[in-house]
Amino acid sequence: CAASGRISGVNFMGWYRQAPEKERALV
């Protein structure tokens, strides 16, 4: 995953996933 734009130096980057009929959850 490549980010572009106005990006703060201090941040979290991560991945979430959403399976069928389930809520999006942090991986």
mmCIF file of all heavy atoms, coordinates in Angstrom:
data_MODEL
# 
_entry.id   MODEL 
# 
loop_
_atom_site.group_PDB 
_atom_site.id 
_atom_site.type_symbol 
_atom_site.label_atom_id 
_atom_site.label_alt_id 
_atom_site.label_comp_id 
_atom_site.label_asym_id 
_atom_site.label_entity_id 
_atom_site.label_seq_id 
_atom_site.pdbx_PDB_ins_code 
_atom_site.Cartn_x 
_atom_site.Cartn_y 
_atom_site.Cartn_z 
_atom_site.occupancy 
_atom_site.B_iso_or_equiv 
_atom_site.pdbx_formal_charge 
_atom_site.auth_seq_id 
_atom_site.auth_comp_id 
_atom_site.auth_asym_id 
_atom_site.auth_atom_id 
_atom_site.pdbx_PDB_model_num 
ATOM 1   N N   . CYS A 1 1  ? 0.847   -1.182  0.000  1.00 0.00 ? 1  CYS A N   1 
ATOM 2   C CA  . CYS A 1 1  ? 0.000   0.000   0.000  1.00 0.00 ? 1  CYS A CA  1 
ATOM 3   C C   . CYS A 1 1  ? 0.884   1.233   0.000  1.00 0.00 ? 1  CYS A C   1 
ATOM 4   O O   . CYS A 1 1  ? 1.681   1.426   0.925  1.00 0.00 ? 1  CYS A O   1 
ATOM 5   C CB  . CYS A 1 1  ? -0.919  0.006   1.218  1.00 0.00 ? 1  CYS A CB  1 
ATOM 6   S SG  . CYS A 1 1  ? -1.850  1.534   1.433  1.00 0.00 ? 1  CYS A SG  1 
ATOM 7   N N   . ALA A 1 2  ? 0.726   2.058   -1.016 1.00 0.00 ? 2  ALA A N   1 
ATOM 8   C CA  . ALA A 1 2  ? 1.482   3.288   -1.139 1.00 0.00 ? 2  ALA A CA  1 
ATOM 9   C C   . ALA A 1 2  ? 0.581   4.482   -0.851 1.00 0.00 ? 2  ALA A C   1 
ATOM 10  O O   . ALA A 1 2  ? -0.502  4.605   -1.432 1.00 0.00 ? 2  ALA A O   1 
ATOM 11  C CB  . ALA A 1 2  ? 2.083   3.408   -2.532 1.00 0.00 ? 2  ALA A CB  1 
ATOM 12  N N   . ALA A 1 3  ? 1.025   5.351   0.044  1.00 0.00 ? 3  ALA A N   1 
ATOM 13  C CA  . ALA A 1 3  ? 0.284   6.546   0.412  1.00 0.00 ? 3  ALA A CA  1 
ATOM 14  C C   . ALA A 1 3  ? 0.875   7.774   -0.267 1.00 0.00 ? 3  ALA A C   1 
ATOM 15  O O   . ALA A 1 3  ? 2.093   7.886   -0.429 1.00 0.00 ? 3  ALA A O   1 
ATOM 16  C CB  . ALA A 1 3  ? 0.292   6.745   1.930  1.00 0.00 ? 3  ALA A CB  1 
ATOM 17  N N   . SER A 1 4  ? 0.000   8.680   -0.652 1.00 0.00 ? 4  SER A N   1 
ATOM 18  C CA  . SER A 1 4  ? 0.436   9.936   -1.240 1.00 0.00 ? 4  SER A CA  1 
ATOM 19  C C   . SER A 1 4  ? -0.448  11.068  -0.729 1.00 0.00 ? 4  SER A C   1 
ATOM 20  O O   . SER A 1 4  ? -1.554  10.833  -0.253 1.00 0.00 ? 4  SER A O   1 
ATOM 21  C CB  . SER A 1 4  ? 0.399   9.874   -2.769 1.00 0.00 ? 4  SER A CB  1 
ATOM 22  O OG  . SER A 1 4  ? -0.917  9.638   -3.238 1.00 0.00 ? 4  SER A OG  1 
ATOM 23  N N   . GLY A 1 5  ? 0.044   12.292  -0.832 1.00 0.00 ? 5  GLY A N   1 
ATOM 24  C CA  . GLY A 1 5  ? -0.702  13.449  -0.383 1.00 0.00 ? 5  GLY A CA  1 
ATOM 25  C C   . GLY A 1 5  ? -0.077  14.099  0.838  1.00 0.00 ? 5  GLY A C   1 
ATOM 26  O O   . GLY A 1 5  ? 1.129   14.007  1.057  1.00 0.00 ? 5  GLY A O   1 
ATOM 27  N N   . ARG A 1 6  ? -0.919  14.745  1.627  1.00 0.00 ? 6  ARG A N   1 
ATOM 28  C CA  . ARG A 1 6  ? -0.466  15.449  2.825  1.00 0.00 ? 6  ARG A CA  1 
ATOM 29  C C   . ARG A 1 6  ? -0.378  14.462  3.986  1.00 0.00 ? 6  ARG A C   1 
ATOM 30  O O   . ARG A 1 6  ? -1.344  14.272  4.725  1.00 0.00 ? 6  ARG A O   1 
ATOM 31  C CB  . ARG A 1 6  ? -1.410  16.602  3.147  1.00 0.00 ? 6  ARG A CB  1 
ATOM 32  C CG  . ARG A 1 6  ? -1.479  17.669  2.060  1.00 0.00 ? 6  ARG A CG  1 
ATOM 33  C CD  . ARG A 1 6  ? -2.448  18.781  2.442  1.00 0.00 ? 6  ARG A CD  1 
ATOM 34  N NE  . ARG A 1 6  ? -2.507  19.831  1.442  1.00 0.00 ? 6  ARG A NE  1 
ATOM 35  C CZ  . ARG A 1 6  ? -3.350  19.847  0.430  1.00 0.00 ? 6  ARG A CZ  1 
ATOM 36  N NH1 . ARG A 1 6  ? -4.224  18.856  0.281  1.00 0.00 ? 6  ARG A NH1 1 
ATOM 37  N NH2 . ARG A 1 6  ? -3.337  20.839  -0.435 1.00 0.00 ? 6  ARG A NH2 1 
ATOM 38  N N   . ILE A 1 7  ? 0.791   13.865  4.160  1.00 0.00 ? 7  ILE A N   1 
ATOM 39  C CA  . ILE A 1 7  ? 0.992   12.790  5.127  1.00 0.00 ? 7  ILE A CA  1 
ATOM 40  C C   . ILE A 1 7  ? 1.772   13.310  6.318  1.00 0.00 ? 7  ILE A C   1 
ATOM 41  O O   . ILE A 1 7  ? 2.878   13.842  6.167  1.00 0.00 ? 7  ILE A O   1 
ATOM 42  C CB  . ILE A 1 7  ? 1.720   11.611  4.478  1.00 0.00 ? 7  ILE A CB  1 
ATOM 43  C CG1 . ILE A 1 7  ? 0.927   11.100  3.271  1.00 0.00 ? 7  ILE A CG1 1 
ATOM 44  C CG2 . ILE A 1 7  ? 1.937   10.498  5.492  1.00 0.00 ? 7  ILE A CG2 1 
ATOM 45  C CD1 . ILE A 1 7  ? 1.702   10.146  2.397  1.00 0.00 ? 7  ILE A CD1 1 
ATOM 46  N N   . SER A 1 8  ? 1.226   13.145  7.508  1.00 0.00 ? 8  SER A N   1 
ATOM 47  C CA  . SER A 1 8  ? 1.920   13.508  8.735  1.00 0.00 ? 8  SER A CA  1 
ATOM 48  C C   . SER A 1 8  ? 3.066   12.542  8.991  1.00 0.00 ? 8  SER A C   1 
ATOM 49  O O   . SER A 1 8  ? 2.976   11.351  8.673  1.00 0.00 ? 8  SER A O   1 
ATOM 50  C CB  . SER A 1 8  ? 0.969   13.498  9.925  1.00 0.00 ? 8  SER A CB  1 
ATOM 51  O OG  . SER A 1 8  ? -0.068  14.449  9.766  1.00 0.00 ? 8  SER A OG  1 
ATOM 52  N N   . GLY A 1 9  ? 4.139   13.057  9.590  1.00 0.00 ? 9  GLY A N   1 
ATOM 53  C CA  . GLY A 1 9  ? 5.292   12.224  9.874  1.00 0.00 ? 9  GLY A CA  1 
ATOM 54  C C   . GLY A 1 9  ? 5.037   11.176  10.936 1.00 0.00 ? 9  GLY A C   1 
ATOM 55  O O   . GLY A 1 9  ? 5.642   10.101  10.904 1.00 0.00 ? 9  GLY A O   1 
ATOM 56  N N   . VAL A 1 10 ? 4.147   11.454  11.881 1.00 0.00 ? 10 VAL A N   1 
ATOM 57  C CA  . VAL A 1 10 ? 3.804   10.529  12.953 1.00 0.00 ? 10 VAL A CA  1 
ATOM 58  C C   . VAL A 1 10 ? 2.432   9.945   12.647 1.00 0.00 ? 10 VAL A C   1 
ATOM 59  O O   . VAL A 1 10 ? 1.431   10.667  12.629 1.00 0.00 ? 10 VAL A O   1 
ATOM 60  C CB  . VAL A 1 10 ? 3.803   11.216  14.325 1.00 0.00 ? 10 VAL A CB  1 
ATOM 61  C CG1 . VAL A 1 10 ? 3.398   10.229  15.412 1.00 0.00 ? 10 VAL A CG1 1 
ATOM 62  C CG2 . VAL A 1 10 ? 5.174   11.814  14.619 1.00 0.00 ? 10 VAL A CG2 1 
ATOM 63  N N   . ASN A 1 11 ? 2.388   8.652   12.423 1.00 0.00 ? 11 ASN A N   1 
ATOM 64  C CA  . ASN A 1 11 ? 1.129   8.035   12.028 1.00 0.00 ? 11 ASN A CA  1 
ATOM 65  C C   . ASN A 1 11 ? 1.201   6.531   12.197 1.00 0.00 ? 11 ASN A C   1 
ATOM 66  O O   . ASN A 1 11 ? 2.277   5.959   12.349 1.00 0.00 ? 11 ASN A O   1 
ATOM 67  C CB  . ASN A 1 11 ? 0.777   8.376   10.573 1.00 0.00 ? 11 ASN A CB  1 
ATOM 68  C CG  . ASN A 1 11 ? 1.811   7.866   9.582  1.00 0.00 ? 11 ASN A CG  1 
ATOM 69  O OD1 . ASN A 1 11 ? 1.905   6.652   9.347  1.00 0.00 ? 11 ASN A OD1 1 
ATOM 70  N ND2 . ASN A 1 11 ? 2.581   8.775   9.002  1.00 0.00 ? 11 ASN A ND2 1 
ATOM 71  N N   . PHE A 1 12 ? 0.032   5.907   12.186 1.00 0.00 ? 12 PHE A N   1 
ATOM 72  C CA  . PHE A 1 12 ? -0.084  4.466   12.040 1.00 0.00 ? 12 PHE A CA  1 
ATOM 73  C C   . PHE A 1 12 ? -0.450  4.154   10.602 1.00 0.00 ? 12 PHE A C   1 
ATOM 74  O O   . PHE A 1 12 ? -1.272  4.843   9.991  1.00 0.00 ? 12 PHE A O   1 
ATOM 75  C CB  . PHE A 1 12 ? -1.187  3.891   12.936 1.00 0.00 ? 12 PHE A CB  1 
ATOM 76  C CG  . PHE A 1 12 ? -0.866  3.855   14.399 1.00 0.00 ? 12 PHE A CG  1 
ATOM 77  C CD1 . PHE A 1 12 ? -1.303  4.854   15.253 1.00 0.00 ? 12 PHE A CD1 1 
ATOM 78  C CD2 . PHE A 1 12 ? -0.150  2.793   14.928 1.00 0.00 ? 12 PHE A CD2 1 
ATOM 79  C CE1 . PHE A 1 12 ? -1.030  4.809   16.603 1.00 0.00 ? 12 PHE A CE1 1 
ATOM 80  C CE2 . PHE A 1 12 ? 0.135   2.735   16.286 1.00 0.00 ? 12 PHE A CE2 1 
ATOM 81  C CZ  . PHE A 1 12 ? -0.308  3.748   17.123 1.00 0.00 ? 12 PHE A CZ  1 
ATOM 82  N N   . MET A 1 13 ? 0.128   3.102   10.071 1.00 0.00 ? 13 MET A N   1 
ATOM 83  C CA  . MET A 1 13 ? -0.351  2.500   8.844  1.00 0.00 ? 13 MET A CA  1 
ATOM 84  C C   . MET A 1 13 ? -0.665  1.040   9.125  1.00 0.00 ? 13 MET A C   1 
ATOM 85  O O   . MET A 1 13 ? 0.044   0.383   9.895  1.00 0.00 ? 13 MET A O   1 
ATOM 86  C CB  . MET A 1 13 ? 0.665   2.611   7.709  1.00 0.00 ? 13 MET A CB  1 
ATOM 87  C CG  . MET A 1 13 ? 0.927   4.046   7.254  1.00 0.00 ? 13 MET A CG  1 
ATOM 88  S SD  . MET A 1 13 ? 1.950   4.151   5.760  1.00 0.00 ? 13 MET A SD  1 
ATOM 89  C CE  . MET A 1 13 ? 0.759   3.660   4.494  1.00 0.00 ? 13 MET A CE  1 
ATOM 90  N N   . GLY A 1 14 ? -1.731  0.559   8.532  1.00 0.00 ? 14 GLY A N   1 
ATOM 91  C CA  . GLY A 1 14 ? -2.112  -0.804  8.824  1.00 0.00 ? 14 GLY A CA  1 
ATOM 92  C C   . GLY A 1 14 ? -3.053  -1.392  7.809  1.00 0.00 ? 14 GLY A C   1 
ATOM 93  O O   . GLY A 1 14 ? -3.362  -0.779  6.782  1.00 0.00 ? 14 GLY A O   1 
ATOM 94  N N   . TRP A 1 15 ? -3.480  -2.607  8.127  1.00 0.00 ? 15 TRP A N   1 
ATOM 95  C CA  . TRP A 1 15 ? -4.374  -3.361  7.271  1.00 0.00 ? 15 TRP A CA  1 
ATOM 96  C C   . TRP A 1 15 ? -5.578  -3.832  8.058  1.00 0.00 ? 15 TRP A C   1 
ATOM 97  O O   . TRP A 1 15 ? -5.445  -4.365  9.163  1.00 0.00 ? 15 TRP A O   1 
ATOM 98  C CB  . TRP A 1 15 ? -3.657  -4.578  6.676  1.00 0.00 ? 15 TRP A CB  1 
ATOM 99  C CG  . TRP A 1 15 ? -2.555  -4.210  5.747  1.00 0.00 ? 15 TRP A CG  1 
ATOM 100 C CD1 . TRP A 1 15 ? -1.246  -4.011  6.042  1.00 0.00 ? 15 TRP A CD1 1 
ATOM 101 C CD2 . TRP A 1 15 ? -2.684  -3.976  4.338  1.00 0.00 ? 15 TRP A CD2 1 
ATOM 102 N NE1 . TRP A 1 15 ? -0.540  -3.676  4.917  1.00 0.00 ? 15 TRP A NE1 1 
ATOM 103 C CE2 . TRP A 1 15 ? -1.407  -3.650  3.851  1.00 0.00 ? 15 TRP A CE2 1 
ATOM 104 C CE3 . TRP A 1 15 ? -3.749  -4.019  3.441  1.00 0.00 ? 15 TRP A CE3 1 
ATOM 105 C CZ2 . TRP A 1 15 ? -1.169  -3.367  2.505  1.00 0.00 ? 15 TRP A CZ2 1 
ATOM 106 C CZ3 . TRP A 1 15 ? -3.511  -3.740  2.113  1.00 0.00 ? 15 TRP A CZ3 1 
ATOM 107 C CH2 . TRP A 1 15 ? -2.236  -3.418  1.661  1.00 0.00 ? 15 TRP A CH2 1 
ATOM 108 N N   . TYR A 1 16 ? -6.746  -3.622  7.495  1.00 0.00 ? 16 TYR A N   1 
ATOM 109 C CA  . TYR A 1 16 ? -7.995  -4.159  7.987  1.00 0.00 ? 16 TYR A CA  1 
ATOM 110 C C   . TYR A 1 16 ? -8.531  -5.136  6.951  1.00 0.00 ? 16 TYR A C   1 
ATOM 111 O O   . TYR A 1 16 ? -8.144  -5.103  5.790  1.00 0.00 ? 16 TYR A O   1 
ATOM 112 C CB  . TYR A 1 16 ? -9.022  -3.054  8.216  1.00 0.00 ? 16 TYR A CB  1 
ATOM 113 C CG  . TYR A 1 16 ? -8.741  -2.150  9.396  1.00 0.00 ? 16 TYR A CG  1 
ATOM 114 C CD1 . TYR A 1 16 ? -7.663  -1.266  9.388  1.00 0.00 ? 16 TYR A CD1 1 
ATOM 115 C CD2 . TYR A 1 16 ? -9.570  -2.161  10.518 1.00 0.00 ? 16 TYR A CD2 1 
ATOM 116 C CE1 . TYR A 1 16 ? -7.414  -0.434  10.465 1.00 0.00 ? 16 TYR A CE1 1 
ATOM 117 C CE2 . TYR A 1 16 ? -9.325  -1.331  11.596 1.00 0.00 ? 16 TYR A CE2 1 
ATOM 118 C CZ  . TYR A 1 16 ? -8.256  -0.471  11.563 1.00 0.00 ? 16 TYR A CZ  1 
ATOM 119 O OH  . TYR A 1 16 ? -8.010  0.366   12.628 1.00 0.00 ? 16 TYR A OH  1 
ATOM 120 N N   . ARG A 1 17 ? -9.442  -6.001  7.374  1.00 0.00 ? 17 ARG A N   1 
ATOM 121 C CA  . ARG A 1 17 ? -10.078 -6.894  6.421  1.00 0.00 ? 17 ARG A CA  1 
ATOM 122 C C   . ARG A 1 17 ? -11.556 -7.029  6.750  1.00 0.00 ? 17 ARG A C   1 
ATOM 123 O O   . ARG A 1 17 ? -11.978 -6.882  7.895  1.00 0.00 ? 17 ARG A O   1 
ATOM 124 C CB  . ARG A 1 17 ? -9.413  -8.271  6.387  1.00 0.00 ? 17 ARG A CB  1 
ATOM 125 C CG  . ARG A 1 17 ? -9.544  -9.091  7.660  1.00 0.00 ? 17 ARG A CG  1 
ATOM 126 C CD  . ARG A 1 17 ? -8.677  -10.345 7.562  1.00 0.00 ? 17 ARG A CD  1 
ATOM 127 N NE  . ARG A 1 17 ? -8.771  -11.171 8.750  1.00 0.00 ? 17 ARG A NE  1 
ATOM 128 C CZ  . ARG A 1 17 ? -8.019  -12.231 8.985  1.00 0.00 ? 17 ARG A CZ  1 
ATOM 129 N NH1 . ARG A 1 17 ? -7.097  -12.606 8.084  1.00 0.00 ? 17 ARG A NH1 1 
ATOM 130 N NH2 . ARG A 1 17 ? -8.169  -12.939 10.095 1.00 0.00 ? 17 ARG A NH2 1 
ATOM 131 N N   . GLN A 1 18 ? -12.322 -7.306  5.720  1.00 0.00 ? 18 GLN A N   1 
ATOM 132 C CA  . GLN A 1 18 ? -13.759 -7.482  5.865  1.00 0.00 ? 18 GLN A CA  1 
ATOM 133 C C   . GLN A 1 18 ? -14.179 -8.719  5.086  1.00 0.00 ? 18 GLN A C   1 
ATOM 134 O O   . GLN A 1 18 ? -14.098 -8.747  3.860  1.00 0.00 ? 18 GLN A O   1 
ATOM 135 C CB  . GLN A 1 18 ? -14.523 -6.257  5.374  1.00 0.00 ? 18 GLN A CB  1 
ATOM 136 C CG  . GLN A 1 18 ? -16.005 -6.310  5.669  1.00 0.00 ? 18 GLN A CG  1 
ATOM 137 C CD  . GLN A 1 18 ? -16.676 -4.963  5.489  1.00 0.00 ? 18 GLN A CD  1 
ATOM 138 O OE1 . GLN A 1 18 ? -16.140 -4.067  4.849  1.00 0.00 ? 18 GLN A OE1 1 
ATOM 139 N NE2 . GLN A 1 18 ? -17.850 -4.816  6.067  1.00 0.00 ? 18 GLN A NE2 1 
ATOM 140 N N   . ALA A 1 19 ? -14.603 -9.733  5.820  1.00 0.00 ? 19 ALA A N   1 
ATOM 141 C CA  . ALA A 1 19 ? -15.128 -10.952 5.235  1.00 0.00 ? 19 ALA A CA  1 
ATOM 142 C C   . ALA A 1 19 ? -16.618 -10.785 4.975  1.00 0.00 ? 19 ALA A C   1 
ATOM 143 O O   . ALA A 1 19 ? -17.260 -9.891  5.541  1.00 0.00 ? 19 ALA A O   1 
ATOM 144 C CB  . ALA A 1 19 ? -14.871 -12.136 6.162  1.00 0.00 ? 19 ALA A CB  1 
ATOM 145 N N   . PRO A 1 20 ? -17.194 -11.640 4.126  1.00 0.00 ? 20 PRO A N   1 
ATOM 146 C CA  . PRO A 1 20 ? -18.632 -11.520 3.841  1.00 0.00 ? 20 PRO A CA  1 
ATOM 147 C C   . PRO A 1 20 ? -19.478 -11.543 5.102  1.00 0.00 ? 20 PRO A C   1 
ATOM 148 O O   . PRO A 1 20 ? -19.279 -12.376 5.995  1.00 0.00 ? 20 PRO A O   1 
ATOM 149 C CB  . PRO A 1 20 ? -18.907 -12.736 2.962  1.00 0.00 ? 20 PRO A CB  1 
ATOM 150 C CG  . PRO A 1 20 ? -17.606 -13.010 2.294  1.00 0.00 ? 20 PRO A CG  1 
ATOM 151 C CD  . PRO A 1 20 ? -16.563 -12.692 3.320  1.00 0.00 ? 20 PRO A CD  1 
ATOM 152 N N   . GLU A 1 21 ? -20.390 -10.619 5.200  1.00 0.00 ? 21 GLU A N   1 
ATOM 153 C CA  . GLU A 1 21 ? -21.343 -10.512 6.305  1.00 0.00 ? 21 GLU A CA  1 
ATOM 154 C C   . GLU A 1 21 ? -20.675 -10.292 7.657  1.00 0.00 ? 21 GLU A C   1 
ATOM 155 O O   . GLU A 1 21 ? -21.260 -10.582 8.703  1.00 0.00 ? 21 GLU A O   1 
ATOM 156 C CB  . GLU A 1 21 ? -22.263 -11.741 6.355  1.00 0.00 ? 21 GLU A CB  1 
ATOM 157 C CG  . GLU A 1 21 ? -23.095 -11.916 5.106  1.00 0.00 ? 21 GLU A CG  1 
ATOM 158 C CD  . GLU A 1 21 ? -24.066 -13.061 5.201  1.00 0.00 ? 21 GLU A CD  1 
ATOM 159 O OE1 . GLU A 1 21 ? -23.789 -14.043 5.917  1.00 0.00 ? 21 GLU A OE1 1 
ATOM 160 O OE2 . GLU A 1 21 ? -25.129 -12.973 4.563  1.00 0.00 ? 21 GLU A OE2 1 
ATOM 161 N N   . LYS A 1 22 ? -19.459 -9.771  7.665  1.00 0.00 ? 22 LYS A N   1 
ATOM 162 C CA  . LYS A 1 22 ? -18.772 -9.444  8.898  1.00 0.00 ? 22 LYS A CA  1 
ATOM 163 C C   . LYS A 1 22 ? -18.301 -7.996  8.859  1.00 0.00 ? 22 LYS A C   1 
ATOM 164 O O   . LYS A 1 22 ? -18.189 -7.388  7.797  1.00 0.00 ? 22 LYS A O   1 
ATOM 165 C CB  . LYS A 1 22 ? -17.588 -10.379 9.146  1.00 0.00 ? 22 LYS A CB  1 
ATOM 166 C CG  . LYS A 1 22 ? -17.984 -11.813 9.409  1.00 0.00 ? 22 LYS A CG  1 
ATOM 167 C CD  . LYS A 1 22 ? -16.799 -12.663 9.810  1.00 0.00 ? 22 LYS A CD  1 
ATOM 168 C CE  . LYS A 1 22 ? -17.211 -14.072 10.143 1.00 0.00 ? 22 LYS A CE  1 
ATOM 169 N NZ  . LYS A 1 22 ? -16.054 -14.904 10.542 1.00 0.00 ? 22 LYS A NZ  1 
ATOM 170 N N   . GLU A 1 23 ? -18.025 -7.450  10.033 1.00 0.00 ? 23 GLU A N   1 
ATOM 171 C CA  . GLU A 1 23 ? -17.553 -6.084  10.131 1.00 0.00 ? 23 GLU A CA  1 
ATOM 172 C C   . GLU A 1 23 ? -16.072 -5.999  9.787  1.00 0.00 ? 23 GLU A C   1 
ATOM 173 O O   . GLU A 1 23 ? -15.324 -6.969  9.934  1.00 0.00 ? 23 GLU A O   1 
ATOM 174 C CB  . GLU A 1 23 ? -17.794 -5.535  11.534 1.00 0.00 ? 23 GLU A CB  1 
ATOM 175 C CG  . GLU A 1 23 ? -19.261 -5.431  11.927 1.00 0.00 ? 23 GLU A CG  1 
ATOM 176 C CD  . GLU A 1 23 ? -20.017 -4.464  11.050 1.00 0.00 ? 23 GLU A CD  1 
ATOM 177 O OE1 . GLU A 1 23 ? -19.509 -3.343  10.805 1.00 0.00 ? 23 GLU A OE1 1 
ATOM 178 O OE2 . GLU A 1 23 ? -21.119 -4.827  10.592 1.00 0.00 ? 23 GLU A OE2 1 
ATOM 179 N N   . ARG A 1 24 ? -15.661 -4.835  9.329  1.00 0.00 ? 24 ARG A N   1 
ATOM 180 C CA  . ARG A 1 24 ? -14.255 -4.597  9.064  1.00 0.00 ? 24 ARG A CA  1 
ATOM 181 C C   . ARG A 1 24 ? -13.468 -4.677  10.374 1.00 0.00 ? 24 ARG A C   1 
ATOM 182 O O   . ARG A 1 24 ? -13.859 -4.084  11.379 1.00 0.00 ? 24 ARG A O   1 
ATOM 183 C CB  . ARG A 1 24 ? -14.079 -3.231  8.410  1.00 0.00 ? 24 ARG A CB  1 
ATOM 184 C CG  . ARG A 1 24 ? -12.678 -2.959  7.898  1.00 0.00 ? 24 ARG A CG  1 
ATOM 185 C CD  . ARG A 1 24 ? -12.599 -1.628  7.162  1.00 0.00 ? 24 ARG A CD  1 
ATOM 186 N NE  . ARG A 1 24 ? -13.488 -1.586  6.011  1.00 0.00 ? 24 ARG A NE  1 
ATOM 187 C CZ  . ARG A 1 24 ? -13.552 -0.579  5.151  1.00 0.00 ? 24 ARG A CZ  1 
ATOM 188 N NH1 . ARG A 1 24 ? -12.758 0.479   5.296  1.00 0.00 ? 24 ARG A NH1 1 
ATOM 189 N NH2 . ARG A 1 24 ? -14.404 -0.623  4.139  1.00 0.00 ? 24 ARG A NH2 1 
ATOM 190 N N   . ALA A 1 25 ? -12.363 -5.409  10.364 1.00 0.00 ? 25 ALA A N   1 
ATOM 191 C CA  . ALA A 1 25 ? -11.591 -5.652  11.571 1.00 0.00 ? 25 ALA A CA  1 
ATOM 192 C C   . ALA A 1 25 ? -10.107 -5.423  11.321 1.00 0.00 ? 25 ALA A C   1 
ATOM 193 O O   . ALA A 1 25 ? -9.590  -5.731  10.243 1.00 0.00 ? 25 ALA A O   1 
ATOM 194 C CB  . ALA A 1 25 ? -11.815 -7.078  12.075 1.00 0.00 ? 25 ALA A CB  1 
ATOM 195 N N   . LEU A 1 26 ? -9.426  -4.922  12.329 1.00 0.00 ? 26 LEU A N   1 
ATOM 196 C CA  . LEU A 1 26 ? -7.992  -4.679  12.249 1.00 0.00 ? 26 LEU A CA  1 
ATOM 197 C C   . LEU A 1 26 ? -7.229  -5.990  12.176 1.00 0.00 ? 26 LEU A C   1 
ATOM 198 O O   . LEU A 1 26 ? -7.458  -6.899  12.972 1.00 0.00 ? 26 LEU A O   1 
ATOM 199 C CB  . LEU A 1 26 ? -7.535  -3.874  13.459 1.00 0.00 ? 26 LEU A CB  1 
ATOM 200 C CG  . LEU A 1 26 ? -6.034  -3.601  13.575 1.00 0.00 ? 26 LEU A CG  1 
ATOM 201 C CD1 . LEU A 1 26 ? -5.553  -2.714  12.440 1.00 0.00 ? 26 LEU A CD1 1 
ATOM 202 C CD2 . LEU A 1 26 ? -5.720  -2.958  14.927 1.00 0.00 ? 26 LEU A CD2 1 
ATOM 203 N N   . VAL A 1 27 ? -6.300  -6.075  11.234 1.00 0.00 ? 27 VAL A N   1 
ATOM 204 C CA  . VAL A 1 27 ? -5.415  -7.222  11.097 1.00 0.00 ? 27 VAL A CA  1 
ATOM 205 C C   . VAL A 1 27 ? -4.053  -6.927  11.723 1.00 0.00 ? 27 VAL A C   1 
ATOM 206 O O   . VAL A 1 27 ? -3.552  -7.690  12.551 1.00 0.00 ? 27 VAL A O   1 
ATOM 207 C CB  . VAL A 1 27 ? -5.240  -7.618  9.621  1.00 0.00 ? 27 VAL A CB  1 
ATOM 208 C CG1 . VAL A 1 27 ? -4.270  -8.790  9.491  1.00 0.00 ? 27 VAL A CG1 1 
ATOM 209 C CG2 . VAL A 1 27 ? -6.584  -7.959  9.002  1.00 0.00 ? 27 VAL A CG2 1 
# 
